């Protein structure tokens, strides 16, 4: 796993249930099923891209890199090149996180 945690992550109940109650009470040492990274003005894009690639290489099936300055979301999936989306107001998750919809309107307005 990358050396720094993502800004947000989601882990399925199935994956959590594979851990003992004692393990769940500690820092979870597992790969999330979905992550979101939000770039800040002080972040360097190449470093964020490397971090996202490390998460995908670690087994995360879906990851989003949100760039507020460019108003883009780059979608990372395992075994597929990253896809950068621009001009969008919302983004829908897929796979295990299908049904999750992120409204980007406030994110774009606040930056």
Foldseek 3Di string as FASTA:
>chain_A
DDPDDAPDFAADPVVVVVDDPVQNVDDNPDQGQEGEHEDDPPDDVVVVVVVVVVSVVRPHAWYWYQYLVQQWIWIDGHPDDIDIDHPDQKDADDDPRGPDMGGCPVVNVVD
